[in-house]
Amino acid sequence: MSVFEVVGGNKLKGDVTPQGAKNEALQVISATLLTGDKVTISNIPDILDVNLLIDLLRDLGVSVEQINTDTYSFEAKDVNLDFLNSKAFVKKASKLRGSVMIIGPLLSRFKKAYLPKPGGDKIGRRRLDTHFIGFEKLGAKFEYDDKNNFYKVDAENLEGTYMLLDEASVTGTANIVMAASLAKGKTTIFNAACEPYLQQLCNMLNSMGANIKGIGSNLLTIEGVDSLGGCDHRILPDMIEIGSFIGLAAMTQSELTIKDVKAEYLGLIPEIFRRLGIQLEIENDDIRIPAQTHYEIQSFIDGSTLTVADAPWPGFTPDLLSIVLVVAIQAKGTVLIHQKMFESRLFFVDKLIDMGAHIILCDPHRAVVNGLNRQYPLRGIRMSSPDIRAGVALLIAALSAEGKSIIENINQIDRGYQNIDSRLRALGADIKRV
């Protein structure tokens, strides 16, 4: 298996364009199952998770054509539902967390869906209750085979209803919206997620003929329609990658410009990095980060220690807390990182401590970072990437460290970041895939 060999300490410079959003791609590609007409999607990232989903749709009988590097057309005219009962389906779908997104479209259009327990990051419990409770409220029957870890839902008819979601789950909301789009009558979803990914999915469905109102809010209303047609859709830039490049620039004292970021969809991301003392300017939809020798963490107005915590949108995304934690290592000051959503996502800090970071892991959800203020450089070590976001956080730490680092299990990074090694080399990083 490949590893990254990183020699840190280089200052980077140049322009970088973010890839298409991974989380949006998994949703909108799954939504192509809702129609037999052709759907063309552009700005699709060339990453492991997305490519696995595209292969899964091919195996289901979807006609997939790659038009250019980042653009594909999908035509789900002859879907083979028998594939859902095959060992090949179990093997492929269980590797991919995003495979859960095909349930809503299959249930809505074909009245049944099966899925093995999906894979993905090892970051603690990631329950699917919200998805299946929503399907049941629409009239579906749900079965779970705990011996084989297999989910099954079926419904002769889906009927619109009112539901209050137990959590503002992005994937849960997306799945329910896709199921409700072809249900009879009106579905009202309260406490719906409203992340940009979800807004994009709803706008795409409306362009296919769906009737969804309240997009961008926590209250969605879906009037079911008889059928959906084709459309053209473009995926947003990946805001998690944008945040990762901001963190990279700060840690390596580099001057970087992140191009075409769609700043209006970034929410609190620029502001949170500014609170860590990072200078950044948004100019003509680009983010420019100047080279900074030092940056200082702000305190709250009363002088108390800054806390950065995740929250449902428009709160700060949990996918960037690992990056914020790493950036704080070389800041002046102290910050409390509070990861509310996943109880295992902070366990990668032991590797950062081995590199010389001053971090106290309070419990599975909270870590205090006491910034080194550049007084001591991190040192290169051998380490392993536990999940996508922690993997890139460790990569940023390695690029800022003295000496050589070896990062194992880099397929986790490849699941979410497109050609990250070659793109970093173009900026002046010393990184090899060996």
Protein backbone atom coordinates (compact mmCIF):
# COMPACT_ATOMS: atom_id res chain seq x y z
CA MET A 1 0.00 0.00 0.00
CA SER A 2 1.25 3.50 -0.85
CA VAL A 3 2.41 6.01 1.73
CA PHE A 4 3.20 9.72 1.59
CA GLU A 5 6.82 10.65 2.24
CA VAL A 6 6.88 14.30 3.28
CA VAL A 7 9.87 16.53 3.99
CA GLY A 8 8.55 19.56 5.83
CA GLY A 9 9.72 23.11 6.22
CA ASN A 10 9.18 24.43 2.69
CA LYS A 11 7.27 27.64 2.21
CA LEU A 12 4.68 27.22 -0.52
CA LYS A 13 3.50 29.77 -3.05
CA GLY A 14 0.99 29.97 -5.86
CA ASP A 15 -2.63 29.58 -6.89
CA VAL A 16 -4.79 26.54 -6.21
CA THR A 17 -8.31 25.78 -7.43
CA PRO A 18 -10.51 23.69 -5.12
CA GLN A 19 -12.06 20.49 -6.40
CA GLY A 20 -15.80 19.93 -6.58
CA ALA A 21 -17.53 19.27 -3.27
CA LYS A 22 -17.31 15.62 -2.24
CA ASN A 23 -20.42 15.66 -0.04
CA GLU A 24 -22.54 17.31 -2.71
CA ALA A 25 -21.27 14.94 -5.39
CA LEU A 26 -22.40 11.85 -3.46
CA GLN A 27 -25.92 13.29 -3.16
CA VAL A 28 -26.49 14.64 -6.65
CA ILE A 29 -24.99 11.58 -8.37
CA SER A 30 -27.34 9.35 -6.35
CA ALA A 31 -30.25 11.61 -7.38
CA THR A 32 -29.77 10.58 -11.02
CA LEU A 33 -31.54 7.33 -10.08
CA LEU A 34 -34.79 9.33 -9.76
CA THR A 35 -35.23 9.63 -13.52
CA GLY A 36 -34.72 7.65 -16.70
CA ASP A 37 -33.69 10.81 -18.53
CA LYS A 38 -30.12 11.97 -18.98
CA VAL A 39 -28.59 14.07 -16.19
CA THR A 40 -25.26 15.81 -16.78
CA ILE A 41 -23.15 16.82 -13.79
CA SER A 42 -19.95 18.89 -13.96
CA ASN A 43 -17.17 19.70 -11.49
CA ILE A 44 -17.22 16.12 -10.16
CA PRO A 45 -14.10 15.49 -8.05
CA ASP A 46 -11.84 12.62 -9.09
CA ILE A 47 -11.67 11.01 -5.65
CA LEU A 48 -12.03 7.47 -4.37
CA ASP A 49 -15.44 7.78 -2.70
CA VAL A 50 -17.07 9.44 -5.71
CA ASN A 51 -15.49 7.00 -8.18
CA LEU A 52 -16.75 4.05 -6.10
CA LEU A 53 -20.29 5.48 -6.21
CA ILE A 54 -20.12 5.98 -9.98
CA ASP A 55 -18.96 2.35 -10.39
CA LEU A 56 -21.84 1.22 -8.17
CA LEU A 57 -24.35 3.03 -10.42
CA ARG A 58 -22.77 1.41 -13.48
CA ASP A 59 -23.27 -2.01 -11.86
CA LEU A 60 -26.92 -1.10 -11.22
CA GLY A 61 -27.36 -0.63 -14.96
CA VAL A 62 -27.04 3.15 -15.15
CA SER A 63 -25.50 4.30 -18.42
CA VAL A 64 -22.54 6.50 -17.44
CA GLU A 65 -20.53 8.54 -19.93
CA GLN A 66 -17.47 10.61 -19.02
CA ILE A 67 -17.70 13.74 -21.18
CA ASN A 68 -14.47 15.33 -19.96
CA THR A 69 -12.20 15.30 -16.92
CA ASP A 70 -14.84 16.43 -14.43
CA THR A 71 -18.14 16.03 -16.30
CA TYR A 72 -20.31 12.90 -16.55
CA SER A 73 -23.75 12.09 -17.90
CA PHE A 74 -25.98 9.54 -16.17
CA GLU A 75 -28.99 7.79 -17.67
CA ALA A 76 -30.82 5.45 -15.27
CA LYS A 77 -33.24 4.13 -17.87
CA ASP A 78 -32.64 0.39 -17.29
CA VAL A 79 -31.85 -0.09 -13.61
CA ASN A 80 -31.15 -3.70 -12.64
CA LEU A 81 -32.70 -4.14 -9.19
CA ASP A 82 -31.55 -7.78 -9.05
CA PHE A 83 -28.02 -6.46 -8.52
CA LEU A 84 -29.13 -5.34 -5.04
CA ASN A 85 -29.30 -9.02 -4.03
CA SER A 86 -25.82 -9.88 -5.28
CA LYS A 87 -22.62 -10.46 -3.33
CA ALA A 88 -20.91 -7.91 -5.56
CA PHE A 89 -23.37 -5.23 -4.40
CA VAL A 90 -22.78 -6.09 -0.74
CA LYS A 91 -19.02 -5.93 -1.23
CA LYS A 92 -19.02 -2.60 -3.07
CA ALA A 93 -21.70 -0.77 -1.10
CA SER A 94 -20.24 -1.74 2.27
CA LYS A 95 -16.96 0.01 1.37
CA LEU A 96 -18.61 3.39 0.91
CA ARG A 97 -20.42 5.57 3.43
CA GLY A 98 -22.00 7.49 0.56
CA SER A 99 -23.81 4.38 -0.68
CA VAL A 100 -26.56 5.22 1.83
CA MET A 101 -27.61 8.02 -0.55
CA ILE A 102 -29.04 5.59 -3.12
CA ILE A 103 -31.79 4.38 -0.74
CA GLY A 104 -34.09 7.40 -1.08
CA PRO A 105 -34.04 7.48 -4.90
CA LEU A 106 -34.51 3.69 -5.22
CA LEU A 107 -37.38 3.67 -2.72
CA SER A 108 -39.04 6.66 -4.37
CA ARG A 109 -38.85 5.42 -7.95
CA PHE A 110 -38.76 1.62 -7.61
CA LYS A 111 -40.60 1.15 -4.28
CA LYS A 112 -37.78 -0.81 -2.64
CA ALA A 113 -34.14 -0.52 -1.64
CA TYR A 114 -31.52 -2.70 0.04
CA LEU A 115 -28.21 -1.72 1.56
CA PRO A 116 -25.47 -3.39 3.61
CA LYS A 117 -24.11 -1.40 6.53
CA PRO A 118 -22.06 1.32 4.78
CA GLY A 119 -18.36 1.92 5.41
CA GLY A 120 -16.47 5.20 5.65
CA ASP A 121 -14.49 7.02 8.31
CA LYS A 122 -13.88 5.42 11.70
CA ILE A 123 -14.92 8.46 13.73
CA GLY A 124 -17.44 6.95 16.13
CA ARG A 125 -21.10 6.07 15.83
CA ARG A 126 -22.80 7.31 12.69
CA ARG A 127 -26.36 6.16 13.08
CA LEU A 128 -28.85 5.99 10.22
CA ASP A 129 -32.02 6.23 12.30
CA THR A 130 -33.00 9.63 10.85
CA HIS A 131 -33.04 8.19 7.32
CA PHE A 132 -35.22 5.20 8.09
CA ILE A 133 -37.59 6.94 10.52
CA GLY A 134 -38.24 9.45 7.74
CA PHE A 135 -38.91 6.69 5.21
CA GLU A 136 -41.31 5.01 7.65
CA LYS A 137 -43.22 8.27 8.12
CA LEU A 138 -43.64 8.40 4.34
CA GLY A 139 -45.19 4.94 4.51
CA ALA A 140 -42.26 2.58 3.94
CA LYS A 141 -41.71 -0.64 5.83
CA PHE A 142 -38.24 -0.98 7.34
CA GLU A 143 -36.38 -4.16 8.24
CA TYR A 144 -32.88 -4.57 9.65
CA ASP A 145 -31.06 -7.89 9.57
CA ASP A 146 -28.67 -7.50 12.50
CA LYS A 147 -27.02 -10.83 11.75
CA ASN A 148 -25.88 -9.69 8.30
CA ASN A 149 -25.93 -5.92 8.94
CA PHE A 150 -28.38 -5.42 6.09
CA TYR A 151 -31.06 -2.73 5.68
CA LYS A 152 -34.24 -3.14 3.64
CA VAL A 153 -37.07 -0.71 2.93
CA ASP A 154 -40.08 -1.12 0.66
CA ALA A 155 -43.37 0.66 0.02
CA GLU A 156 -46.12 0.24 -2.52
CA ASN A 157 -46.96 3.90 -2.13
CA LEU A 158 -45.18 6.78 -0.45
CA GLU A 159 -47.43 9.51 0.90
CA GLY A 160 -46.47 12.97 2.02
CA THR A 161 -46.64 13.83 5.70
CA TYR A 162 -45.31 16.18 8.37
CA MET A 163 -42.13 15.15 10.16
CA LEU A 164 -39.83 16.67 12.76
CA LEU A 165 -36.35 15.23 12.32
CA ASP A 166 -34.60 14.07 15.50
CA GLU A 167 -31.37 15.63 14.18
CA ALA A 168 -30.56 17.98 11.33
CA SER A 169 -28.74 15.25 9.44
CA VAL A 170 -27.48 16.37 6.02
CA THR A 171 -27.57 12.91 4.45
CA GLY A 172 -30.79 12.02 6.29
CA THR A 173 -32.51 15.16 5.02
CA ALA A 174 -31.21 14.55 1.49
CA ASN A 175 -32.46 10.97 1.45
CA ILE A 176 -35.91 11.95 2.73
CA VAL A 177 -36.18 14.85 0.25
CA MET A 178 -35.36 12.50 -2.65
CA ALA A 179 -37.91 9.94 -1.44
CA ALA A 180 -40.59 12.63 -0.94
CA SER A 181 -40.04 14.20 -4.36
CA LEU A 182 -42.08 11.43 -6.03
CA ALA A 183 -44.43 10.72 -3.10
CA LYS A 184 -48.15 11.53 -3.24
CA GLY A 185 -49.10 14.83 -1.64
CA LYS A 186 -47.18 17.27 0.50
CA THR A 187 -44.26 16.46 2.78
CA THR A 188 -43.14 18.98 5.39
CA ILE A 189 -39.72 18.47 6.99
CA PHE A 190 -38.94 20.53 10.10
CA ASN A 191 -35.40 20.64 11.57
CA ALA A 192 -34.13 19.89 8.07
CA ALA A 193 -30.44 20.38 7.31
CA CYS A 194 -29.73 23.45 5.19
CA GLU A 195 -26.04 23.04 4.25
CA PRO A 196 -25.01 24.28 0.80
CA TYR A 197 -24.81 20.60 -0.31
CA LEU A 198 -28.50 20.19 0.53
CA GLN A 199 -29.43 23.47 -1.12
CA GLN A 200 -27.66 22.34 -4.28
CA LEU A 201 -29.48 19.00 -4.27
CA CYS A 202 -32.87 20.70 -3.85
CA ASN A 203 -32.13 23.19 -6.63
CA MET A 204 -31.07 20.33 -8.90
CA LEU A 205 -34.25 18.38 -8.13
CA ASN A 206 -36.36 21.47 -8.88
CA SER A 207 -34.61 21.82 -12.24
CA MET A 208 -35.63 18.18 -12.86
CA GLY A 209 -39.27 19.06 -12.18
CA ALA A 210 -39.58 18.63 -8.41
CA ASN A 211 -41.52 21.12 -6.28
CA ILE A 212 -39.42 21.95 -3.22
CA LYS A 213 -39.86 25.16 -1.22
CA GLY A 214 -37.95 26.58 1.75
CA ILE A 215 -34.51 25.82 0.28
CA GLY A 216 -31.80 27.19 2.56
CA SER A 217 -34.03 27.04 5.65
CA ASN A 218 -34.78 24.40 8.30
CA LEU A 219 -38.37 24.00 7.05
CA LEU A 220 -38.73 22.25 3.69
CA THR A 221 -41.99 21.64 1.86
CA ILE A 222 -42.07 19.09 -0.94
CA GLU A 223 -45.10 18.66 -3.19
CA GLY A 224 -44.72 15.25 -4.78
CA VAL A 225 -44.75 15.00 -8.57
CA ASP A 226 -45.42 12.05 -10.88
CA SER A 227 -41.99 11.98 -12.51
CA LEU A 228 -38.71 13.82 -12.87
CA GLY A 229 -36.72 14.63 -15.98
CA GLY A 230 -33.13 15.33 -16.92
CA CYS A 231 -31.04 18.43 -16.21
CA ASP A 232 -27.55 19.93 -16.20
CA HIS A 233 -25.99 20.60 -12.81
CA ARG A 234 -22.66 22.02 -11.61
CA ILE A 235 -21.21 21.09 -8.22
CA LEU A 236 -19.93 23.78 -5.85
CA PRO A 237 -16.24 24.05 -4.89
CA ASP A 238 -15.44 21.91 -1.85
CA MET A 239 -15.57 24.19 1.18
CA ILE A 240 -13.68 21.61 3.28
CA GLU A 241 -10.78 21.66 0.84
CA ILE A 242 -10.88 25.46 0.82
CA GLY A 243 -10.57 25.46 4.62
CA SER A 244 -7.77 22.90 4.40
CA PHE A 245 -5.76 25.16 2.07
CA ILE A 246 -6.28 28.13 4.42
CA GLY A 247 -4.89 26.02 7.25
CA LEU A 248 -1.99 24.81 5.08
CA ALA A 249 -1.00 28.38 4.22
CA ALA A 250 -0.98 29.42 7.88
CA MET A 251 1.00 26.44 9.17
CA THR A 252 3.67 26.61 6.45
CA GLN A 253 3.95 30.45 6.49
CA SER A 254 2.99 30.44 2.82
CA GLU A 255 1.37 32.87 0.45
CA LEU A 256 -1.47 31.13 -1.34
CA THR A 257 -4.44 32.22 -3.43
CA ILE A 258 -7.45 29.90 -3.52
CA LYS A 259 -9.37 30.51 -6.74
CA ASP A 260 -13.11 30.55 -7.46
CA VAL A 261 -14.30 29.66 -3.96
CA LYS A 262 -17.99 30.70 -4.20
CA ALA A 263 -17.51 32.74 -1.04
CA GLU A 264 -21.23 33.22 -0.41
CA TYR A 265 -21.48 29.50 0.42
CA LEU A 266 -18.59 29.39 2.93
CA GLY A 267 -20.59 30.49 5.97
CA LEU A 268 -18.45 30.93 9.10
CA ILE A 269 -15.32 29.31 7.66
CA PRO A 270 -13.38 32.52 6.87
CA GLU A 271 -14.40 34.09 10.19
CA ILE A 272 -13.27 31.11 12.30
CA PHE A 273 -9.81 31.18 10.71
CA ARG A 274 -9.65 34.94 11.29
CA ARG A 275 -10.36 34.30 14.99
CA LEU A 276 -7.25 32.13 15.00
CA GLY A 277 -5.31 35.17 13.81
CA ILE A 278 -5.02 34.20 10.15
CA GLN A 279 -5.12 37.06 7.69
CA LEU A 280 -7.18 36.37 4.60
CA GLU A 281 -8.81 38.56 2.01
CA ILE A 282 -11.68 37.70 -0.33
CA GLU A 283 -11.17 39.38 -3.70
CA ASN A 284 -13.28 38.65 -6.80
CA ASP A 285 -14.33 35.27 -5.34
CA ASP A 286 -10.70 34.31 -4.60
CA ILE A 287 -9.23 33.97 -1.11
CA ARG A 288 -5.73 35.37 -0.72
CA ILE A 289 -3.70 34.33 2.33
CA PRO A 290 -0.44 36.27 2.80
CA ALA A 291 2.62 34.66 4.35
CA GLN A 292 2.45 35.08 8.14
CA THR A 293 5.30 34.49 10.54
CA HIS A 294 2.99 34.69 13.56
CA TYR A 295 -0.74 34.59 14.21
CA GLU A 296 -2.52 35.05 17.54
CA ILE A 297 -5.72 33.38 18.71
CA GLN A 298 -8.41 35.82 19.77
CA SER A 299 -10.15 35.59 23.14
CA PHE A 300 -13.84 36.12 23.77
CA ILE A 301 -14.91 39.67 24.74
CA ASP A 302 -14.72 38.84 28.45
CA GLY A 303 -11.14 37.59 28.04
CA SER A 304 -12.02 33.89 28.30
CA THR A 305 -10.45 31.19 26.13
CA LEU A 306 -11.77 30.90 22.59
CA THR A 307 -13.88 27.80 21.93
CA VAL A 308 -14.36 26.51 18.38
CA ALA A 309 -17.23 24.02 18.19
CA ASP A 310 -19.15 22.36 15.39
CA ALA A 311 -22.87 22.94 14.87
CA PRO A 312 -25.54 22.33 12.22
CA TRP A 313 -25.34 24.81 9.36
CA PRO A 314 -25.04 27.78 9.39
CA GLY A 315 -22.80 26.81 12.33
CA PHE A 316 -19.21 25.70 11.78
CA THR A 317 -18.81 22.43 9.90
CA PRO A 318 -17.39 19.49 11.91
CA ASP A 319 -15.28 18.45 8.91
CA LEU A 320 -12.90 21.37 9.50
CA LEU A 321 -12.32 21.01 13.24
CA SER A 322 -9.31 18.74 12.62
CA ILE A 323 -7.76 21.46 10.44
CA VAL A 324 -8.49 24.20 13.00
CA LEU A 325 -6.87 22.07 15.70
CA VAL A 326 -3.67 21.66 13.68
CA VAL A 327 -3.52 25.34 12.76
CA ALA A 328 -3.74 26.28 16.45
CA ILE A 329 -0.55 24.30 17.22
CA GLN A 330 1.73 27.10 16.00
CA ALA A 331 -0.50 30.01 17.00
CA LYS A 332 0.07 32.29 19.97
CA GLY A 333 -2.57 31.54 22.57
CA THR A 334 -4.97 28.79 23.60
CA VAL A 335 -8.15 27.38 22.06
CA LEU A 336 -10.64 24.72 23.13
CA ILE A 337 -11.76 22.48 20.25
CA HIS A 338 -15.19 20.96 20.94
CA GLN A 339 -16.19 18.21 18.51
CA LYS A 340 -19.82 17.58 19.41
CA MET A 341 -20.93 15.33 16.59
CA PHE A 342 -18.41 12.45 16.58
CA GLU A 343 -16.84 10.96 19.67
CA SER A 344 -13.75 9.45 18.00
CA ARG A 345 -12.67 12.22 15.67
CA LEU A 346 -10.12 13.79 18.02
CA PHE A 347 -8.21 10.62 18.79
CA PHE A 348 -5.63 11.46 16.10
CA VAL A 349 -4.09 14.10 18.40
CA ASP A 350 -1.71 11.49 19.88
CA LYS A 351 0.25 11.68 16.64
CA LEU A 352 0.43 15.47 16.85
CA ILE A 353 1.65 15.22 20.44
CA ASP A 354 4.38 12.85 19.23
CA MET A 355 5.37 15.58 16.76
CA GLY A 356 5.78 18.06 19.62
CA ALA A 357 2.35 19.73 19.81
CA HIS A 358 1.05 20.88 23.20
CA ILE A 359 -2.45 19.39 23.24
CA ILE A 360 -4.54 18.12 26.14
CA LEU A 361 -7.24 15.64 25.13
CA CYS A 362 -9.89 16.30 27.78
CA ASP A 363 -12.34 13.61 26.65
CA PRO A 364 -13.50 12.09 23.33
CA HIS A 365 -15.15 15.39 22.36
CA ARG A 366 -12.80 18.13 23.61
CA ALA A 367 -9.15 19.07 23.22
CA VAL A 368 -7.23 22.10 24.45
CA VAL A 369 -4.43 23.35 22.18
CA ASN A 370 -1.72 25.52 23.73
CA GLY A 371 -0.05 27.22 20.78
CA LEU A 372 3.73 26.99 20.38
CA ASN A 373 3.95 30.44 18.73
CA ARG A 374 6.71 29.11 16.41
CA GLN A 375 9.09 28.75 19.36
CA TYR A 376 9.45 25.03 18.67
CA PRO A 377 8.98 23.38 15.25
CA LEU A 378 7.08 20.13 14.94
CA ARG A 379 9.24 17.09 14.14
CA GLY A 380 8.62 14.56 11.41
CA ILE A 381 7.41 11.08 12.46
CA ARG A 382 5.82 7.95 11.00
CA MET A 383 2.05 7.97 11.41
CA SER A 384 -1.17 6.59 9.94
CA SER A 385 -4.23 8.42 8.63
CA PRO A 386 -7.37 7.33 10.54
CA ASP A 387 -9.93 9.19 8.41
CA ILE A 388 -10.15 11.72 5.58
CA ARG A 389 -10.07 14.94 7.58
CA ALA A 390 -7.57 13.83 10.22
CA GLY A 391 -5.39 12.51 7.38
CA VAL A 392 -5.16 15.94 5.76
CA ALA A 393 -4.63 17.59 9.15
CA LEU A 394 -1.65 15.27 9.72
CA LEU A 395 -0.41 16.03 6.21
CA ILE A 396 -0.51 19.77 6.97
CA ALA A 397 1.39 19.15 10.21
CA ALA A 398 4.01 17.12 8.31
CA LEU A 399 4.47 19.85 5.70
CA SER A 400 5.17 22.35 8.49
CA ALA A 401 7.49 20.06 10.49
CA GLU A 402 11.26 19.68 10.52
CA GLY A 403 12.52 16.51 8.87
CA LYS A 404 10.79 13.64 7.15
CA SER A 405 7.35 12.24 7.92
CA ILE A 406 5.81 9.03 6.62
CA ILE A 407 2.00 8.95 6.43
CA GLU A 408 0.45 5.51 6.02
CA ASN A 409 -3.12 4.54 5.08
CA ILE A 410 -3.27 7.39 2.59
CA ASN A 411 -6.23 5.82 0.79
CA GLN A 412 -8.23 7.62 3.50
CA ILE A 413 -6.92 10.94 2.17
CA ASP A 414 -7.53 9.85 -1.43
CA ARG A 415 -11.18 9.24 -0.53
CA GLY A 416 -11.72 12.98 -0.20
CA TYR A 417 -8.86 14.92 -1.82
CA GLN A 418 -8.13 14.85 -5.56
CA ASN A 419 -4.49 14.31 -6.58
CA ILE A 420 -3.43 16.07 -3.40
CA ASP A 421 0.26 15.14 -3.71
CA SER A 422 0.72 16.50 -7.25
CA ARG A 423 -1.24 19.65 -6.45
CA LEU A 424 0.91 20.29 -3.38
CA ARG A 425 4.10 19.70 -5.38
CA ALA A 426 2.93 22.39 -7.83
CA LEU A 427 2.93 24.79 -4.87
CA GLY A 428 6.47 23.80 -3.83
CA ALA A 429 5.82 21.01 -1.32
CA ASP A 430 8.29 18.12 -0.94
CA ILE A 431 5.88 15.18 -1.03
CA LYS A 432 6.13 11.80 -2.72
CA ARG A 433 3.75 8.88 -3.05
CA VAL A 434 5.90 5.78 -2.53
